[in-house]
PDB file of N, CA and C in Angstrom:
ATOM      1  N   UNK A   1     -12.633   5.290   6.133  1.00  0.00           N
ATOM      2  CA  UNK A   1     -14.157   5.132   5.419  1.00  0.00           C
ATOM      3  C   UNK A   1     -13.774   4.623   4.405  1.00  0.00           C
ATOM      4  N   UNK A   2     -12.767   4.687   3.888  1.00  0.00           N
ATOM      5  CA  UNK A   2     -12.329   3.350   2.270  1.00  0.00           C
ATOM      6  C   UNK A   2     -11.944   2.206   2.961  1.00  0.00           C
ATOM      7  N   UNK A   3     -11.569   1.874   4.060  1.00  0.00           N
ATOM      8  CA  UNK A   3     -11.875   0.232   4.649  1.00  0.00           C
ATOM      9  C   UNK A   3     -13.055  -0.132   4.220  1.00  0.00           C
ATOM     10  N   UNK A   4     -14.195   0.683   4.745  1.00  0.00           N
ATOM     11  CA  UNK A   4     -15.504   0.425   5.018  1.00  0.00           C
ATOM     12  C   UNK A   4     -16.144   0.135   4.041  1.00  0.00           C
ATOM     13  N   UNK A   5     -15.626   1.288   2.776  1.00  0.00           N
ATOM     14  CA  UNK A   5     -16.594   1.672   1.417  1.00  0.00           C
ATOM     15  C   UNK A   5     -15.696   0.166   0.596  1.00  0.00           C
ATOM     16  N   UNK A   6     -14.243  -0.548   0.827  1.00  0.00           N
ATOM     17  CA  UNK A   6     -14.141  -1.427  -0.228  1.00  0.00           C
ATOM     18  C   UNK A   6     -14.521  -2.493   0.805  1.00  0.00           C
ATOM     19  N   UNK A   7     -14.866  -2.766   2.289  1.00  0.00           N
ATOM     20  CA  UNK A   7     -15.249  -3.905   2.138  1.00  0.00           C
ATOM     21  C   UNK A   7     -16.602  -4.106   1.916  1.00  0.00           C
ATOM     22  N   UNK A   8     -17.391  -2.826   1.713  1.00  0.00           N
ATOM     23  CA  UNK A   8     -19.156  -3.611   1.533  1.00  0.00           C
ATOM     24  C   UNK A   8     -19.552  -2.987   0.896  1.00  0.00           C
ATOM     25  N   UNK A   9     -18.325  -2.974  -0.772  1.00  0.00           N
ATOM     26  CA  UNK A   9     -19.402  -2.595  -1.962  1.00  0.00           C
ATOM     27  C   UNK A   9     -19.431  -3.508  -2.451  1.00  0.00           C
ATOM     28  N   UNK A  10     -19.132  -4.712  -2.132  1.00  0.00           N
ATOM     29  CA  UNK A  10     -19.630  -5.861  -2.741  1.00  0.00           C
ATOM     30  C   UNK A  10     -21.070  -6.039  -2.976  1.00  0.00           C
ATOM     31  N   UNK A  11     -22.146  -5.485  -1.480  1.00  0.00           N
ATOM     32  CA  UNK A  11     -23.098  -5.577  -0.948  1.00  0.00           C
ATOM     33  C   UNK A  11     -23.619  -4.330  -1.679  1.00  0.00           C
ATOM     34  N   UNK A  12     -23.329  -3.475  -2.167  1.00  0.00           N
ATOM     35  CA  UNK A  12     -23.978  -1.964  -2.913  1.00  0.00           C
ATOM     36  C   UNK A  12     -23.947  -1.102  -2.362  1.00  0.00           C
ATOM     37  N   UNK A  13     -22.917  -1.218  -1.341  1.00  0.00           N
ATOM     38  CA  UNK A  13     -22.974   0.214  -0.600  1.00  0.00           C
ATOM     39  C   UNK A  13     -21.986   1.510  -1.419  1.00  0.00           C
ATOM     40  N   UNK A  14     -22.409   2.337  -1.573  1.00  0.00           N
ATOM     41  CA  UNK A  14     -22.011   3.111  -2.731  1.00  0.00           C
ATOM     42  C   UNK A  14     -20.785   4.307  -1.884  1.00  0.00           C
ATOM     43  N   UNK A  15     -20.517   4.500  -1.914  1.00  0.00           N
ATOM     44  CA  UNK A  15     -19.655   6.105  -2.038  1.00  0.00           C
ATOM     45  C   UNK A  15     -20.095   7.109  -1.018  1.00  0.00           C
ATOM     46  N   UNK A  16     -21.164   7.451  -1.847  1.00  0.00           N
ATOM     47  CA  UNK A  16     -22.026   8.308  -1.071  1.00  0.00           C
ATOM     48  C   UNK A  16     -23.125   8.070  -0.134  1.00  0.00           C
ATOM     49  N   UNK A  17     -22.938   6.747   0.517  1.00  0.00           N
ATOM     50  CA  UNK A  17     -23.566   6.447   1.423  1.00  0.00           C
ATOM     51  C   UNK A  17     -23.118   6.820   2.427  1.00  0.00           C
ATOM     52  N   UNK A  18     -21.768   6.946   2.923  1.00  0.00           N
ATOM     53  CA  UNK A  18     -21.020   7.265   4.241  1.00  0.00           C
ATOM     54  C   UNK A  18     -20.985   8.808   3.942  1.00  0.00           C
ATOM     55  N   UNK A  19     -21.630   8.961   5.060  1.00  0.00           N
ATOM     56  CA  UNK A  19     -21.133  10.522   5.929  1.00  0.00           C
ATOM     57  C   UNK A  19     -20.195  11.145   6.458  1.00  0.00           C
ATOM     58  N   UNK A  20     -20.009  12.230   6.688  1.00  0.00           N
ATOM     59  CA  UNK A  20     -19.115  12.926   7.863  1.00  0.00           C
ATOM     60  C   UNK A  20     -20.167  14.249   8.407  1.00  0.00           C
ATOM     61  N   UNK A  21     -20.069  14.322   9.697  1.00  0.00           N
ATOM     62  CA  UNK A  21     -20.311  15.145  10.310  1.00  0.00           C
ATOM     63  C   UNK A  21     -19.664  15.680  11.501  1.00  0.00           C
ATOM     64  N   UNK A  22     -20.221  16.729  12.573  1.00  0.00           N
ATOM     65  CA  UNK A  22     -19.125  16.843  13.779  1.00  0.00           C
ATOM     66  C   UNK A  22     -20.576  17.143  14.646  1.00  0.00           C
ATOM     67  N   UNK A  23     -20.283  16.922  15.826  1.00  0.00           N
ATOM     68  CA  UNK A  23     -21.507  16.793  16.775  1.00  0.00           C
ATOM     69  C   UNK A  23     -20.962  17.243  18.130  1.00  0.00           C
ATOM     70  N   UNK A  24     -21.461  17.748  18.868  1.00  0.00           N
ATOM     71  CA  UNK A  24     -21.198  18.350  20.045  1.00  0.00           C
ATOM     72  C   UNK A  24     -22.201  18.263  21.621  1.00  0.00           C
ATOM     73  N   UNK A  25     -21.783  17.753  22.446  1.00  0.00           N
ATOM     74  CA  UNK A  25     -22.130  16.981  23.384  1.00  0.00           C
ATOM     75  C   UNK A  25     -23.387  18.029  23.866  1.00  0.00           C
ATOM     76  N   UNK A  26     -22.930  19.292  23.862  1.00  0.00           N
ATOM     77  CA  UNK A  26     -24.125  20.528  24.067  1.00  0.00           C
ATOM     78  C   UNK A  26     -25.613  20.212  23.129  1.00  0.00           C
ATOM     79  N   UNK A  27     -25.642  19.204  21.786  1.00  0.00           N
ATOM     80  CA  UNK A  27     -26.472  19.437  21.004  1.00  0.00           C
ATOM     81  C   UNK A  27     -27.008  18.339  21.039  1.00  0.00           C
ATOM     82  N   UNK A  28     -28.146  18.593  20.507  1.00  0.00           N
ATOM     83  CA  UNK A  28     -28.895  16.704  20.332  1.00  0.00           C
ATOM     84  C   UNK A  28     -28.002  16.075  19.414  1.00  0.00           C
ATOM     85  N   UNK A  29     -27.918  16.588  17.872  1.00  0.00           N
ATOM     86  CA  UNK A  29     -27.557  15.742  17.069  1.00  0.00           C
ATOM     87  C   UNK A  29     -25.873  16.017  16.760  1.00  0.00           C
ATOM     88  N   UNK A  30     -26.002  17.085  15.708  1.00  0.00           N
ATOM     89  CA  UNK A  30     -24.888  17.602  14.988  1.00  0.00           C
ATOM     90  C   UNK A  30     -25.093  18.618  14.530  1.00  0.00           C
ATOM     91  N   UNK A  31     -23.626  19.582  14.277  1.00  0.00           N
ATOM     92  CA  UNK A  31     -23.814  21.019  14.092  1.00  0.00           C
ATOM     93  C   UNK A  31     -23.315  21.364  12.405  1.00  0.00           C
ATOM     94  N   UNK A  32     -22.712  19.907  12.235  1.00  0.00           N
ATOM     95  CA  UNK A  32     -22.280  20.270  10.683  1.00  0.00           C
ATOM     96  C   UNK A  32     -22.449  18.475   9.961  1.00  0.00           C
ATOM     97  N   UNK A  33     -23.157  18.745   8.550  1.00  0.00           N
ATOM     98  CA  UNK A  33     -23.145  17.210   8.191  1.00  0.00           C
ATOM     99  C   UNK A  33     -22.698  17.444   6.499  1.00  0.00           C
ATOM    100  N   UNK A  34     -21.928  16.712   5.893  1.00  0.00           N
ATOM    101  CA  UNK A  34     -21.649  16.510   4.806  1.00  0.00           C
ATOM    102  C   UNK A  34     -22.938  16.196   3.724  1.00  0.00           C
ATOM    103  N   UNK A  35     -23.113  16.291   2.495  1.00  0.00           N
ATOM    104  CA  UNK A  35     -24.048  16.517   1.873  1.00  0.00           C
ATOM    105  C   UNK A  35     -25.054  15.132   1.602  1.00  0.00           C
ATOM    106  N   UNK A  36     -26.123  14.626   1.717  1.00  0.00           N
ATOM    107  CA  UNK A  36     -26.706  13.733   1.613  1.00  0.00           C
ATOM    108  C   UNK A  36     -26.307  12.727   0.596  1.00  0.00           C
ATOM    109  N   UNK A  37     -26.160  13.498  -1.119  1.00  0.00           N
ATOM    110  CA  UNK A  37     -25.950  12.582  -2.058  1.00  0.00           C
ATOM    111  C   UNK A  37     -24.906  12.518  -2.580  1.00  0.00           C
ATOM    112  N   UNK A  38     -23.326  12.469  -1.882  1.00  0.00           N
ATOM    113  CA  UNK A  38     -22.748  12.636  -2.646  1.00  0.00           C
ATOM    114  C   UNK A  38     -21.350  12.459  -1.126  1.00  0.00           C
ATOM    115  N   UNK A  39     -20.230  11.944  -1.745  1.00  0.00           N
ATOM    116  CA  UNK A  39     -19.348  11.117  -1.004  1.00  0.00           C
ATOM    117  C   UNK A  39     -18.791  12.326   0.067  1.00  0.00           C
ATOM    118  N   UNK A  40     -18.563  12.589   0.804  1.00  0.00           N
ATOM    119  CA  UNK A  40     -18.017  14.151   2.083  1.00  0.00           C
ATOM    120  C   UNK A  40     -16.196  14.094   1.042  1.00  0.00           C
ATOM    121  N   UNK A  41     -16.196  15.642   1.445  1.00  0.00           N
ATOM    122  CA  UNK A  41     -15.031  15.832   0.890  1.00  0.00           C
ATOM    123  C   UNK A  41     -14.242  15.609   1.424  1.00  0.00           C
ATOM    124  N   UNK A  42     -12.894  15.444   0.777  1.00  0.00           N
ATOM    125  CA  UNK A  42     -11.516  15.211   1.349  1.00  0.00           C
ATOM    126  C   UNK A  42     -10.275  16.278   1.215  1.00  0.00           C
ATOM    127  N   UNK A  43      -9.669  16.501   2.066  1.00  0.00           N
ATOM    128  CA  UNK A  43      -8.189  17.139   1.048  1.00  0.00           C
ATOM    129  C   UNK A  43      -6.922  16.374   1.654  1.00  0.00           C
ATOM    130  N   UNK A  44      -5.716  15.612   0.379  1.00  0.00           N
ATOM    131  CA  UNK A  44      -4.924  15.203   1.088  1.00  0.00           C
ATOM    132  C   UNK A  44      -3.849  15.894   1.887  1.00  0.00           C
ATOM    133  N   UNK A  45      -3.417  15.492   3.059  1.00  0.00           N
ATOM    134  CA  UNK A  45      -2.251  15.566   4.118  1.00  0.00           C
ATOM    135  C   UNK A  45      -1.502  16.074   2.972  1.00  0.00           C
ATOM    136  N   UNK A  46      -1.075  15.750   2.130  1.00  0.00           N
ATOM    137  CA  UNK A  46       0.307  16.052   1.378  1.00  0.00           C
ATOM    138  C   UNK A  46      -0.042  17.722   1.322  1.00  0.00           C
ATOM    139  N   UNK A  47      -1.142  18.238   0.574  1.00  0.00           N
ATOM    140  CA  UNK A  47      -1.666  19.268   0.408  1.00  0.00           C
ATOM    141  C   UNK A  47      -1.641  20.496   1.015  1.00  0.00           C
ATOM    142  N   UNK A  48      -1.851  19.871   2.167  1.00  0.00           N
ATOM    143  CA  UNK A  48      -1.839  21.129   3.510  1.00  0.00           C
ATOM    144  C   UNK A  48      -0.357  21.303   4.237  1.00  0.00           C
ATOM    145  N   UNK A  49       0.094  19.953   4.517  1.00  0.00           N
ATOM    146  CA  UNK A  49       1.775  19.756   4.766  1.00  0.00           C
ATOM    147  C   UNK A  49       2.793  20.836   3.519  1.00  0.00           C
ATOM    148  N   UNK A  50       2.503  20.260   2.125  1.00  0.00           N
ATOM    149  CA  UNK A  50       3.051  21.585   1.552  1.00  0.00           C
ATOM    150  C   UNK A  50       2.903  22.450   0.986  1.00  0.00           C
ATOM    151  N   UNK A  51       1.836  22.782   1.632  1.00  0.00           N
ATOM    152  CA  UNK A  51       1.231  24.535   1.314  1.00  0.00           C
ATOM    153  C   UNK A  51       0.458  24.688   0.058  1.00  0.00           C
ATOM    154  N   UNK A  52      -0.083  23.815  -0.575  1.00  0.00           N
ATOM    155  CA  UNK A  52      -0.874  23.474  -2.044  1.00  0.00           C
ATOM    156  C   UNK A  52      -2.331  23.970  -1.947  1.00  0.00           C
ATOM    157  N   UNK A  53      -2.579  24.833  -2.806  1.00  0.00           N
ATOM    158  CA  UNK A  53      -4.396  24.566  -3.154  1.00  0.00           C
ATOM    159  C   UNK A  53      -4.948  23.703  -1.726  1.00  0.00           C
ATOM    160  N   UNK A  54      -5.553  24.042  -0.995  1.00  0.00           N
ATOM    161  CA  UNK A  54      -6.574  23.833   0.401  1.00  0.00           C
ATOM    162  C   UNK A  54      -7.938  23.285  -0.175  1.00  0.00           C
ATOM    163  N   UNK A  55      -8.446  23.656  -1.633  1.00  0.00           N
ATOM    164  CA  UNK A  55      -9.843  23.174  -2.056  1.00  0.00           C
ATOM    165  C   UNK A  55      -9.971  21.552  -1.699  1.00  0.00           C
ATOM    166  N   UNK A  56     -11.068  21.279  -1.794  1.00  0.00           N
ATOM    167  CA  UNK A  56     -11.318  19.892  -1.145  1.00  0.00           C
ATOM    168  C   UNK A  56     -11.021  19.067  -2.475  1.00  0.00           C
ATOM    169  N   UNK A  57     -11.043  17.917  -2.366  1.00  0.00           N
ATOM    170  CA  UNK A  57     -10.405  16.518  -3.471  1.00  0.00           C
ATOM    171  C   UNK A  57     -11.532  15.676  -3.117  1.00  0.00           C
ATOM    172  N   UNK A  58     -11.946  15.638  -4.089  1.00  0.00           N
ATOM    173  CA  UNK A  58     -13.166  14.234  -4.114  1.00  0.00           C
ATOM    174  C   UNK A  58     -12.650  13.041  -3.986  1.00  0.00           C
ATOM    175  N   UNK A  59     -11.935  13.106  -4.983  1.00  0.00           N
ATOM    176  CA  UNK A  59     -11.380  11.678  -5.122  1.00  0.00           C
ATOM    177  C   UNK A  59     -10.464  10.830  -4.077  1.00  0.00           C
ATOM    178  N   UNK A  60     -10.726  10.052  -3.520  1.00  0.00           N
ATOM    179  CA  UNK A  60     -10.023   9.403  -2.310  1.00  0.00           C
ATOM    180  C   UNK A  60      -8.398   8.704  -3.188  1.00  0.00           C
ATOM    181  N   UNK A  61      -7.582   9.397  -2.658  1.00  0.00           N
ATOM    182  CA  UNK A  61      -6.340   8.675  -3.181  1.00  0.00           C
ATOM    183  C   UNK A  61      -5.493   7.427  -2.049  1.00  0.00           C
ATOM    184  N   UNK A  62      -5.219   6.330  -2.682  1.00  0.00           N
ATOM    185  CA  UNK A  62      -4.564   4.935  -2.168  1.00  0.00           C
ATOM    186  C   UNK A  62      -3.477   5.602  -1.306  1.00  0.00           C
ATOM    187  N   UNK A  63      -3.043   6.316  -1.958  1.00  0.00           N
ATOM    188  CA  UNK A  63      -1.386   6.857  -1.595  1.00  0.00           C
ATOM    189  C   UNK A  63      -0.966   7.760  -0.450  1.00  0.00           C
ATOM    190  N   UNK A  64      -1.799   8.563  -0.468  1.00  0.00           N
ATOM    191  CA  UNK A  64      -1.765   9.849   0.326  1.00  0.00           C
ATOM    192  C   UNK A  64      -3.337   9.903   1.648  1.00  0.00           C
ATOM    193  N   UNK A  65      -2.797  10.090   2.966  1.00  0.00           N
ATOM    194  CA  UNK A  65      -3.718   9.845   3.770  1.00  0.00           C
ATOM    195  C   UNK A  65      -4.758  11.474   3.875  1.00  0.00           C
ATOM    196  N   UNK A  66      -6.167  11.220   3.766  1.00  0.00           N
ATOM    197  CA  UNK A  66      -6.874  12.274   3.458  1.00  0.00           C
ATOM    198  C   UNK A  66      -7.104  13.154   4.902  1.00  0.00           C
ATOM    199  N   UNK A  67      -7.738  14.022   4.463  1.00  0.00           N
ATOM    200  CA  UNK A  67      -8.253  14.535   6.112  1.00  0.00           C
ATOM    201  C   UNK A  67      -9.723  14.947   5.574  1.00  0.00           C
ATOM    202  N   UNK A  68     -11.111  14.898   6.002  1.00  0.00           N
ATOM    203  CA  UNK A  68     -12.236  14.163   5.683  1.00  0.00           C
ATOM    204  C   UNK A  68     -13.262  15.856   6.094  1.00  0.00           C
ATOM    205  N   UNK A  69     -13.935  16.043   5.478  1.00  0.00           N
ATOM    206  CA  UNK A  69     -14.664  17.607   5.619  1.00  0.00           C
ATOM    207  C   UNK A  69     -15.656  17.082   6.413  1.00  0.00           C
ATOM    208  N   UNK A  70     -16.149  18.058   7.690  1.00  0.00           N
ATOM    209  CA  UNK A  70     -16.961  17.745   8.601  1.00  0.00           C
ATOM    210  C   UNK A  70     -18.747  18.364   7.960  1.00  0.00           C
ATOM    211  N   UNK A  71     -18.264  18.527   6.897  1.00  0.00           N
ATOM    212  CA  UNK A  71     -19.462  19.542   6.008  1.00  0.00           C
ATOM    213  C   UNK A  71     -19.935  20.383   6.035  1.00  0.00           C
ATOM    214  N   UNK A  72     -21.071  21.205   5.924  1.00  0.00           N
ATOM    215  CA  UNK A  72     -21.511  22.569   6.488  1.00  0.00           C
ATOM    216  C   UNK A  72     -22.019  22.412   7.636  1.00  0.00           C
ATOM    217  N   UNK A  73     -22.701  23.387   7.691  1.00  0.00           N
ATOM    218  CA  UNK A  73     -23.294  24.083   8.965  1.00  0.00           C
ATOM    219  C   UNK A  73     -24.842  23.412   8.558  1.00  0.00           C
ATOM    220  N   UNK A  74     -25.370  23.064   9.595  1.00  0.00           N
ATOM    221  CA  UNK A  74     -26.768  22.747   9.795  1.00  0.00           C
ATOM    222  C   UNK A  74     -27.317  23.925   9.673  1.00  0.00           C
ATOM    223  N   UNK A  75     -29.330  24.046   9.193  1.00  0.00           N
ATOM    224  CA  UNK A  75     -29.841  25.497   9.355  1.00  0.00           C
ATOM    225  C   UNK A  75     -29.976  25.518  10.971  1.00  0.00           C
ATOM    226  N   UNK A  76     -30.000  26.795  11.341  1.00  0.00           N
ATOM    227  CA  UNK A  76     -29.738  27.379  12.204  1.00  0.00           C
ATOM    228  C   UNK A  76     -28.285  27.291  13.466  1.00  0.00           C
ATOM    229  N   UNK A  77     -27.664  26.857  12.393  1.00  0.00           N
ATOM    230  CA  UNK A  77     -26.066  26.564  13.510  1.00  0.00           C
ATOM    231  C   UNK A  77     -25.330  27.449  12.746  1.00  0.00           C
ATOM    232  N   UNK A  78     -24.117  28.081  13.462  1.00  0.00           N
ATOM    233  CA  UNK A  78     -22.969  29.576  12.826  1.00  0.00           C
ATOM    234  C   UNK A  78     -21.832  28.693  13.530  1.00  0.00           C
ATOM    235  N   UNK A  79     -20.998  28.368  12.900  1.00  0.00           N
ATOM    236  CA  UNK A  79     -19.456  27.635  12.962  1.00  0.00           C
ATOM    237  C   UNK A  79     -18.611  28.888  13.107  1.00  0.00           C
ATOM    238  N   UNK A  80     -17.623  29.097  14.197  1.00  0.00           N
ATOM    239  CA  UNK A  80     -16.916  29.572  14.354  1.00  0.00           C
ATOM    240  C   UNK A  80     -15.407  29.242  15.228  1.00  0.00           C
ATOM    241  N   UNK A  81     -14.246  29.277  14.236  1.00  0.00           N
ATOM    242  CA  UNK A  81     -13.026  29.005  15.015  1.00  0.00           C
ATOM    243  C   UNK A  81     -12.308  29.313  15.628  1.00  0.00           C
ATOM    244  N   UNK A  82     -12.001  29.742  16.816  1.00  0.00           N
ATOM    245  CA  UNK A  82     -11.237  30.502  17.846  1.00  0.00           C
ATOM    246  C   UNK A  82      -9.939  30.052  18.335  1.00  0.00           C
ATOM    247  N   UNK A  83      -8.881  30.717  18.423  1.00  0.00           N
ATOM    248  CA  UNK A  83      -7.505  30.634  19.220  1.00  0.00           C
ATOM    249  C   UNK A  83      -8.248  30.774  20.845  1.00  0.00           C
ATOM    250  N   UNK A  84      -7.455  30.094  21.572  1.00  0.00           N
ATOM    251  CA  UNK A  84      -7.123  30.278  22.804  1.00  0.00           C
ATOM    252  C   UNK A  84      -7.926  31.930  23.552  1.00  0.00           C
ATOM    253  N   UNK A  85      -7.310  32.934  22.611  1.00  0.00           N
ATOM    254  CA  UNK A  85      -8.048  34.425  23.161  1.00  0.00           C
ATOM    255  C   UNK A  85      -9.090  33.820  22.799  1.00  0.00           C
ATOM    256  N   UNK A  86      -9.686  33.606  22.031  1.00  0.00           N
ATOM    257  CA  UNK A  86     -11.640  33.834  21.537  1.00  0.00           C
ATOM    258  C   UNK A  86     -11.212  34.238  20.155  1.00  0.00           C
ATOM    259  N   UNK A  87     -10.133  35.208  19.676  1.00  0.00           N
ATOM    260  CA  UNK A  87     -10.121  35.519  18.176  1.00  0.00           C
ATOM    261  C   UNK A  87     -10.446  34.646  17.166  1.00  0.00           C
ATOM    262  N   UNK A  88     -11.313  35.412  16.434  1.00  0.00           N
ATOM    263  CA  UNK A  88     -11.231  34.050  15.536  1.00  0.00           C
ATOM    264  C   UNK A  88     -10.416  33.946  14.110  1.00  0.00           C
ATOM    265  N   UNK A  89     -10.337  32.225  13.746  1.00  0.00           N
ATOM    266  CA  UNK A  89      -9.742  31.862  13.113  1.00  0.00           C
ATOM    267  C   UNK A  89     -10.288  31.627  11.498  1.00  0.00           C
ATOM    268  N   UNK A  90      -9.500  31.912  10.465  1.00  0.00           N
ATOM    269  CA  UNK A  90      -9.860  31.974   9.070  1.00  0.00           C
ATOM    270  C   UNK A  90     -10.256  30.655   9.062  1.00  0.00           C
ATOM    271  N   UNK A  91     -11.294  30.502   8.357  1.00  0.00           N
ATOM    272  CA  UNK A  91     -11.866  28.758   8.032  1.00  0.00           C
ATOM    273  C   UNK A  91     -11.439  28.593   6.657  1.00  0.00           C
ATOM    274  N   UNK A  92     -10.704  27.111   6.496  1.00  0.00           N
ATOM    275  CA  UNK A  92     -10.750  26.577   5.500  1.00  0.00           C
ATOM    276  C   UNK A  92     -11.227  26.052   4.697  1.00  0.00           C
TER     277      UNK A  92
END
């Protein structure tokens, strides 16, 4: 995403124009999507690896890989994360 934004910034592509979502083959479009008027939330890999606060960091870091949030559930969808046994896993 960073490379795309860097490449097309001179043509007016704003960071808020890039969105993230999670889709499933069983759905027509998507299950989640980031907010349309802002940049997708990111969490630096080191923040998770080092066990620091897991709150989203909206600033793209040039020195650290980041995980990109898939956004919030779209209306009418409920997202649950489970392990192999079906037990619910906490959402971060």
